[in-house]
Amino acid sequence: MLEPKDLKFAKTHEWLSLEGDLITVGISDHAQDLLGDIVFIELPEIGLKVSLNDPIAVVESVKAASDIYAPLEGTVEAINEALDAEPTLVNSEPYGGGWLFKIRLASTDPASDHLVDFETYKNDFVE
C-alpha cells in the first residue's frame, strides 16, 4: 500500500503516484470519508485523452455523487477493474487497492505546481 507521505495531492482531493511517465490516481482518505459508503464508480475509457482538471470519473456513494478530475494532462492507460465488483475498496484501501485509473503523461515535464505534498494537503485542504 502506498503511504500518503509519498504521494502528491490536488485541492480537489485526488492523490497521485508518479512512476516514470505513468501516474496512478485515486481519492484521498479524507474524500472517501466525506462521501461515505461508495456504491458505484464510473471510470474513464482507456485511451481517453484528458486535460488538467477535466472531470473524467464519477464516484457515487450513499450520500452523493462526486466528479473526479484529471490531476495532469495525458491519456488514460488503465482502470481499476476490481472496482466494478467491489467499489468499497476505495473506502477500505484508498491508497492501495482503491486506486481509480492510470494516466500516461502527455509531457515529460508536466506543470505540477498545483499539486502539494501530504502535509500541505492535510493542513490547507482538509477541514
N, C-alpha and C. Protein backbone atom coordinates (compact mmCIF):
# COMPACT_ATOMS: atom_id res chain seq x y z
N MET A 1 0.84 -1.18 0.00
CA MET A 1 0.00 0.00 0.00
C MET A 1 0.88 1.24 0.00
N LEU A 2 0.46 2.23 -0.77
CA LEU A 2 1.19 3.49 -0.82
C LEU A 2 1.00 4.25 0.48
N GLU A 3 1.98 5.03 0.84
CA GLU A 3 1.90 5.87 2.03
C GLU A 3 1.56 7.29 1.60
N PRO A 4 0.61 7.95 2.26
CA PRO A 4 0.25 9.32 1.87
C PRO A 4 1.43 10.27 1.79
N LYS A 5 2.44 10.09 2.64
CA LYS A 5 3.59 10.99 2.63
C LYS A 5 4.38 10.90 1.32
N ASP A 6 4.20 9.83 0.56
CA ASP A 6 4.92 9.64 -0.69
C ASP A 6 4.12 10.09 -1.92
N LEU A 7 2.92 10.61 -1.70
CA LEU A 7 2.02 10.98 -2.79
C LEU A 7 1.93 12.49 -2.95
N LYS A 8 1.39 12.90 -4.09
CA LYS A 8 1.04 14.29 -4.33
C LYS A 8 -0.48 14.38 -4.32
N PHE A 9 -1.00 15.54 -3.94
CA PHE A 9 -2.44 15.74 -3.82
C PHE A 9 -2.89 16.99 -4.55
N ALA A 10 -4.12 16.92 -5.10
CA ALA A 10 -4.76 18.09 -5.71
C ALA A 10 -5.77 18.64 -4.71
N LYS A 11 -6.09 19.91 -4.85
CA LYS A 11 -7.05 20.52 -3.92
C LYS A 11 -8.44 19.90 -4.06
N THR A 12 -8.69 19.19 -5.17
CA THR A 12 -9.97 18.51 -5.39
C THR A 12 -9.96 17.11 -4.80
N HIS A 13 -8.96 16.78 -3.99
CA HIS A 13 -8.85 15.56 -3.18
C HIS A 13 -8.40 14.32 -3.94
N GLU A 14 -7.89 14.46 -5.15
CA GLU A 14 -7.27 13.33 -5.83
C GLU A 14 -5.82 13.21 -5.34
N TRP A 15 -5.34 11.98 -5.26
CA TRP A 15 -3.92 11.76 -5.00
C TRP A 15 -3.30 11.15 -6.24
N LEU A 16 -2.00 11.28 -6.37
CA LEU A 16 -1.33 10.62 -7.48
C LEU A 16 0.05 10.15 -7.07
N SER A 17 0.44 9.08 -7.70
CA SER A 17 1.75 8.48 -7.53
C SER A 17 2.40 8.45 -8.91
N LEU A 18 3.60 8.97 -9.02
CA LEU A 18 4.28 9.05 -10.31
C LEU A 18 5.34 7.97 -10.42
N GLU A 19 5.26 7.19 -11.51
CA GLU A 19 6.28 6.19 -11.84
C GLU A 19 6.67 6.42 -13.29
N GLY A 20 7.80 7.09 -13.51
CA GLY A 20 8.20 7.45 -14.87
C GLY A 20 7.20 8.43 -15.44
N ASP A 21 6.60 8.09 -16.59
CA ASP A 21 5.60 8.98 -17.19
C ASP A 21 4.18 8.45 -16.98
N LEU A 22 4.00 7.57 -15.99
CA LEU A 22 2.69 7.00 -15.69
C LEU A 22 2.30 7.38 -14.27
N ILE A 23 1.09 7.94 -14.12
CA ILE A 23 0.61 8.27 -12.78
C ILE A 23 -0.57 7.38 -12.43
N THR A 24 -0.61 6.97 -11.18
CA THR A 24 -1.76 6.26 -10.62
C THR A 24 -2.56 7.28 -9.83
N VAL A 25 -3.89 7.28 -10.00
CA VAL A 25 -4.74 8.29 -9.38
C VAL A 25 -5.82 7.62 -8.52
N GLY A 26 -6.08 8.21 -7.38
CA GLY A 26 -7.15 7.77 -6.50
C GLY A 26 -7.70 8.98 -5.77
N ILE A 27 -8.57 8.73 -4.80
CA ILE A 27 -9.06 9.84 -3.97
C ILE A 27 -8.53 9.66 -2.55
N SER A 28 -8.38 10.77 -1.86
CA SER A 28 -7.79 10.74 -0.52
C SER A 28 -8.69 10.04 0.49
N ASP A 29 -8.09 9.63 1.58
CA ASP A 29 -8.84 9.04 2.68
C ASP A 29 -9.89 10.03 3.18
N HIS A 30 -9.53 11.30 3.23
CA HIS A 30 -10.47 12.34 3.66
C HIS A 30 -11.68 12.39 2.72
N ALA A 31 -11.44 12.33 1.42
CA ALA A 31 -12.54 12.40 0.44
C ALA A 31 -13.47 11.20 0.57
N GLN A 32 -12.90 10.00 0.68
CA GLN A 32 -13.76 8.82 0.80
C GLN A 32 -14.54 8.85 2.10
N ASP A 33 -13.95 9.42 3.15
CA ASP A 33 -14.65 9.53 4.43
C ASP A 33 -15.84 10.49 4.32
N LEU A 34 -15.65 11.60 3.62
CA LEU A 34 -16.74 12.55 3.41
C LEU A 34 -17.87 11.94 2.59
N LEU A 35 -17.51 11.13 1.59
CA LEU A 35 -18.52 10.52 0.72
C LEU A 35 -19.32 9.44 1.43
N GLY A 36 -18.70 8.72 2.32
CA GLY A 36 -19.38 7.60 2.96
C GLY A 36 -19.25 6.35 2.12
N ASP A 37 -20.11 5.38 2.34
CA ASP A 37 -20.02 4.10 1.64
C ASP A 37 -20.20 4.28 0.14
N ILE A 38 -19.18 3.89 -0.60
CA ILE A 38 -19.21 4.04 -2.06
C ILE A 38 -19.93 2.84 -2.66
N VAL A 39 -20.89 3.13 -3.55
CA VAL A 39 -21.73 2.08 -4.14
C VAL A 39 -21.47 1.86 -5.63
N PHE A 40 -20.88 2.85 -6.31
CA PHE A 40 -20.65 2.73 -7.75
C PHE A 40 -19.56 3.72 -8.17
N ILE A 41 -18.74 3.29 -9.14
CA ILE A 41 -17.72 4.17 -9.69
C ILE A 41 -17.77 4.09 -11.20
N GLU A 42 -17.95 5.22 -11.83
CA GLU A 42 -17.91 5.31 -13.30
C GLU A 42 -16.49 5.74 -13.68
N LEU A 43 -15.74 4.80 -14.24
CA LEU A 43 -14.35 5.05 -14.60
C LEU A 43 -14.25 5.50 -16.05
N PRO A 44 -13.16 6.20 -16.39
CA PRO A 44 -13.00 6.66 -17.77
C PRO A 44 -12.66 5.51 -18.71
N GLU A 45 -12.83 5.76 -20.00
CA GLU A 45 -12.45 4.78 -21.03
C GLU A 45 -10.94 4.78 -21.20
N ILE A 46 -10.37 3.60 -21.38
CA ILE A 46 -8.94 3.51 -21.70
C ILE A 46 -8.74 4.17 -23.06
N GLY A 47 -7.70 4.98 -23.17
CA GLY A 47 -7.41 5.70 -24.41
C GLY A 47 -7.95 7.13 -24.42
N LEU A 48 -8.76 7.48 -23.42
CA LEU A 48 -9.31 8.83 -23.33
C LEU A 48 -8.19 9.83 -23.08
N LYS A 49 -8.11 10.87 -23.90
CA LYS A 49 -7.15 11.95 -23.70
C LYS A 49 -7.77 12.95 -22.75
N VAL A 50 -7.02 13.33 -21.70
CA VAL A 50 -7.55 14.24 -20.68
C VAL A 50 -6.64 15.44 -20.50
N SER A 51 -7.25 16.54 -20.16
CA SER A 51 -6.52 17.76 -19.83
C SER A 51 -6.63 18.00 -18.33
N LEU A 52 -5.76 18.81 -17.81
CA LEU A 52 -5.78 19.16 -16.40
C LEU A 52 -7.16 19.63 -15.98
N ASN A 53 -7.66 19.05 -14.90
CA ASN A 53 -8.95 19.39 -14.29
C ASN A 53 -10.18 18.95 -15.09
N ASP A 54 -10.00 18.14 -16.13
CA ASP A 54 -11.17 17.55 -16.81
C ASP A 54 -11.87 16.60 -15.85
N PRO A 55 -13.21 16.67 -15.74
CA PRO A 55 -13.91 15.65 -14.97
C PRO A 55 -13.89 14.35 -15.78
N ILE A 56 -13.30 13.30 -15.21
CA ILE A 56 -13.14 12.08 -16.02
C ILE A 56 -13.70 10.82 -15.37
N ALA A 57 -14.16 10.93 -14.14
CA ALA A 57 -14.76 9.77 -13.46
C ALA A 57 -15.78 10.31 -12.47
N VAL A 58 -16.65 9.40 -12.00
CA VAL A 58 -17.66 9.77 -11.00
C VAL A 58 -17.67 8.69 -9.93
N VAL A 59 -17.64 9.13 -8.68
CA VAL A 59 -17.75 8.23 -7.54
C VAL A 59 -19.11 8.50 -6.90
N GLU A 60 -19.93 7.45 -6.79
CA GLU A 60 -21.25 7.59 -6.18
C GLU A 60 -21.26 6.85 -4.84
N SER A 61 -21.81 7.53 -3.84
CA SER A 61 -21.92 6.94 -2.52
C SER A 61 -23.37 7.00 -2.07
N VAL A 62 -23.62 6.51 -0.88
CA VAL A 62 -24.97 6.58 -0.33
C VAL A 62 -25.37 8.03 -0.05
N LYS A 63 -24.38 8.92 0.05
CA LYS A 63 -24.64 10.33 0.34
C LYS A 63 -24.72 11.22 -0.90
N ALA A 64 -23.84 10.98 -1.89
CA ALA A 64 -23.72 11.92 -3.01
C ALA A 64 -22.93 11.29 -4.15
N ALA A 65 -22.93 11.99 -5.27
CA ALA A 65 -22.06 11.65 -6.39
C ALA A 65 -21.03 12.76 -6.52
N SER A 66 -19.80 12.40 -6.83
CA SER A 66 -18.73 13.37 -6.90
C SER A 66 -17.87 13.13 -8.13
N ASP A 67 -17.59 14.21 -8.87
CA ASP A 67 -16.69 14.11 -10.03
C ASP A 67 -15.25 13.93 -9.55
N ILE A 68 -14.49 13.18 -10.34
CA ILE A 68 -13.06 13.02 -10.13
C ILE A 68 -12.38 13.69 -11.31
N TYR A 69 -11.37 14.50 -11.02
CA TYR A 69 -10.73 15.33 -12.04
C TYR A 69 -9.34 14.83 -12.38
N ALA A 70 -8.94 15.07 -13.62
CA ALA A 70 -7.59 14.69 -14.05
C ALA A 70 -6.58 15.63 -13.38
N PRO A 71 -5.64 15.08 -12.61
CA PRO A 71 -4.66 15.94 -11.94
C PRO A 71 -3.55 16.42 -12.86
N LEU A 72 -3.40 15.76 -14.02
CA LEU A 72 -2.40 16.15 -15.03
C LEU A 72 -2.91 15.76 -16.41
N GLU A 73 -2.29 16.29 -17.44
CA GLU A 73 -2.69 16.02 -18.82
C GLU A 73 -2.06 14.72 -19.33
N GLY A 74 -2.86 13.94 -20.08
CA GLY A 74 -2.33 12.70 -20.63
C GLY A 74 -3.42 11.83 -21.21
N THR A 75 -3.16 10.53 -21.27
CA THR A 75 -4.08 9.55 -21.83
C THR A 75 -4.32 8.46 -20.81
N VAL A 76 -5.59 8.10 -20.60
CA VAL A 76 -5.92 7.04 -19.65
C VAL A 76 -5.35 5.73 -20.19
N GLU A 77 -4.50 5.11 -19.38
CA GLU A 77 -3.79 3.91 -19.78
C GLU A 77 -4.40 2.65 -19.16
N ALA A 78 -4.98 2.79 -17.96
CA ALA A 78 -5.54 1.62 -17.26
C ALA A 78 -6.61 2.11 -16.29
N ILE A 79 -7.53 1.20 -15.98
CA ILE A 79 -8.55 1.46 -14.97
C ILE A 79 -8.53 0.31 -13.98
N ASN A 80 -8.99 0.56 -12.78
CA ASN A 80 -9.03 -0.47 -11.75
C ASN A 80 -10.34 -1.25 -11.90
N GLU A 81 -10.30 -2.33 -12.67
CA GLU A 81 -11.50 -3.12 -12.95
C GLU A 81 -12.07 -3.80 -11.71
N ALA A 82 -11.26 -3.97 -10.67
CA ALA A 82 -11.74 -4.58 -9.43
C ALA A 82 -12.85 -3.75 -8.79
N LEU A 83 -12.89 -2.45 -9.11
CA LEU A 83 -13.89 -1.57 -8.51
C LEU A 83 -15.29 -1.82 -9.05
N ASP A 84 -15.40 -2.46 -10.21
CA ASP A 84 -16.72 -2.82 -10.74
C ASP A 84 -17.45 -3.73 -9.76
N ALA A 85 -16.76 -4.72 -9.27
CA ALA A 85 -17.37 -5.69 -8.36
C ALA A 85 -17.30 -5.24 -6.90
N GLU A 86 -16.31 -4.43 -6.58
CA GLU A 86 -16.10 -4.05 -5.18
C GLU A 86 -15.72 -2.57 -5.05
N PRO A 87 -16.68 -1.65 -5.29
CA PRO A 87 -16.36 -0.22 -5.21
C PRO A 87 -15.94 0.23 -3.81
N THR A 88 -16.29 -0.54 -2.79
CA THR A 88 -15.93 -0.17 -1.42
C THR A 88 -14.43 -0.29 -1.16
N LEU A 89 -13.66 -0.82 -2.12
CA LEU A 89 -12.20 -0.81 -1.98
C LEU A 89 -11.69 0.62 -1.81
N VAL A 90 -12.39 1.58 -2.40
CA VAL A 90 -11.99 2.98 -2.25
C VAL A 90 -12.14 3.41 -0.79
N ASN A 91 -13.15 2.87 -0.10
CA ASN A 91 -13.32 3.16 1.32
C ASN A 91 -12.27 2.45 2.18
N SER A 92 -12.06 1.19 1.91
CA SER A 92 -11.19 0.39 2.77
C SER A 92 -9.71 0.52 2.45
N GLU A 93 -9.38 0.82 1.20
CA GLU A 93 -7.97 0.92 0.78
C GLU A 93 -7.77 2.11 -0.15
N PRO A 94 -8.02 3.34 0.33
CA PRO A 94 -7.94 4.49 -0.58
C PRO A 94 -6.56 4.69 -1.20
N TYR A 95 -5.50 4.26 -0.52
CA TYR A 95 -4.14 4.42 -1.04
C TYR A 95 -3.55 3.10 -1.54
N GLY A 96 -4.39 2.09 -1.70
CA GLY A 96 -3.92 0.79 -2.16
C GLY A 96 -4.82 0.26 -3.24
N GLY A 97 -5.58 -0.79 -2.92
CA GLY A 97 -6.46 -1.44 -3.88
C GLY A 97 -7.59 -0.57 -4.39
N GLY A 98 -7.79 0.60 -3.77
CA GLY A 98 -8.85 1.51 -4.19
C GLY A 98 -8.43 2.56 -5.19
N TRP A 99 -7.26 2.39 -5.84
CA TRP A 99 -6.87 3.34 -6.89
C TRP A 99 -7.91 3.31 -8.00
N LEU A 100 -8.01 4.41 -8.76
CA LEU A 100 -9.06 4.52 -9.78
C LEU A 100 -8.57 4.25 -11.20
N PHE A 101 -7.55 4.98 -11.63
CA PHE A 101 -7.07 4.86 -13.01
C PHE A 101 -5.63 5.31 -13.10
N LYS A 102 -5.02 5.00 -14.27
CA LYS A 102 -3.64 5.41 -14.54
C LYS A 102 -3.63 6.24 -15.81
N ILE A 103 -2.82 7.28 -15.79
CA ILE A 103 -2.69 8.19 -16.93
C ILE A 103 -1.24 8.22 -17.39
N ARG A 104 -1.03 8.02 -18.69
CA ARG A 104 0.29 8.22 -19.29
C ARG A 104 0.41 9.71 -19.59
N LEU A 105 1.41 10.35 -19.01
CA LEU A 105 1.54 11.80 -19.13
C LEU A 105 1.84 12.25 -20.56
N ALA A 106 1.27 13.39 -20.92
CA ALA A 106 1.47 13.95 -22.25
C ALA A 106 2.84 14.61 -22.36
N SER A 107 3.40 15.03 -21.24
CA SER A 107 4.67 15.74 -21.22
C SER A 107 5.61 15.07 -20.23
N THR A 108 6.90 15.08 -20.56
CA THR A 108 7.88 14.54 -19.62
C THR A 108 8.14 15.51 -18.48
N ASP A 109 7.70 16.75 -18.64
CA ASP A 109 7.85 17.77 -17.60
C ASP A 109 6.50 18.45 -17.37
N PRO A 110 5.54 17.72 -16.77
CA PRO A 110 4.20 18.30 -16.61
C PRO A 110 4.19 19.46 -15.62
N ALA A 111 3.31 20.41 -15.87
CA ALA A 111 3.12 21.53 -14.95
C ALA A 111 2.39 21.00 -13.72
N SER A 112 3.11 20.85 -12.64
CA SER A 112 2.52 20.22 -11.46
C SER A 112 2.59 21.12 -10.23
N ASP A 113 2.73 22.43 -10.44
CA ASP A 113 2.85 23.34 -9.31
C ASP A 113 1.55 23.45 -8.50
N HIS A 114 0.44 22.92 -9.03
CA HIS A 114 -0.83 22.93 -8.31
C HIS A 114 -0.95 21.74 -7.36
N LEU A 115 -0.01 20.80 -7.44
CA LEU A 115 -0.04 19.61 -6.58
C LEU A 115 0.79 19.88 -5.32
N VAL A 116 0.34 19.30 -4.21
CA VAL A 116 1.01 19.54 -2.94
C VAL A 116 1.35 18.22 -2.25
N ASP A 117 2.26 18.28 -1.29
CA ASP A 117 2.58 17.09 -0.52
C ASP A 117 1.49 16.85 0.52
N PHE A 118 1.59 15.71 1.22
CA PHE A 118 0.53 15.31 2.14
C PHE A 118 0.35 16.31 3.28
N GLU A 119 1.44 16.80 3.85
CA GLU A 119 1.32 17.74 4.97
C GLU A 119 0.59 19.01 4.55
N THR A 120 0.93 19.54 3.38
CA THR A 120 0.26 20.75 2.88
C THR A 120 -1.20 20.45 2.60
N TYR A 121 -1.48 19.32 1.97
CA TYR A 121 -2.86 18.92 1.69
C TYR A 121 -3.66 18.86 2.99
N LYS A 122 -3.11 18.16 3.97
CA LYS A 122 -3.79 17.97 5.25
C LYS A 122 -4.04 19.31 5.93
N ASN A 123 -3.07 20.20 5.89
CA ASN A 123 -3.19 21.50 6.57
C ASN A 123 -4.04 22.51 5.82
N ASP A 124 -4.02 22.47 4.49
CA ASP A 124 -4.69 23.51 3.70
C ASP A 124 -6.03 23.11 3.10
N PHE A 125 -6.26 21.80 2.87
CA PHE A 125 -7.45 21.39 2.13
C PHE A 125 -8.37 20.44 2.89
N VAL A 126 -7.96 19.98 4.04
CA VAL A 126 -8.79 19.09 4.84
C VAL A 126 -9.39 19.91 5.97
N GLU A 127 -10.71 19.85 6.07
CA GLU A 127 -11.41 20.68 7.06
C GLU A 127 -11.24 20.13 8.45
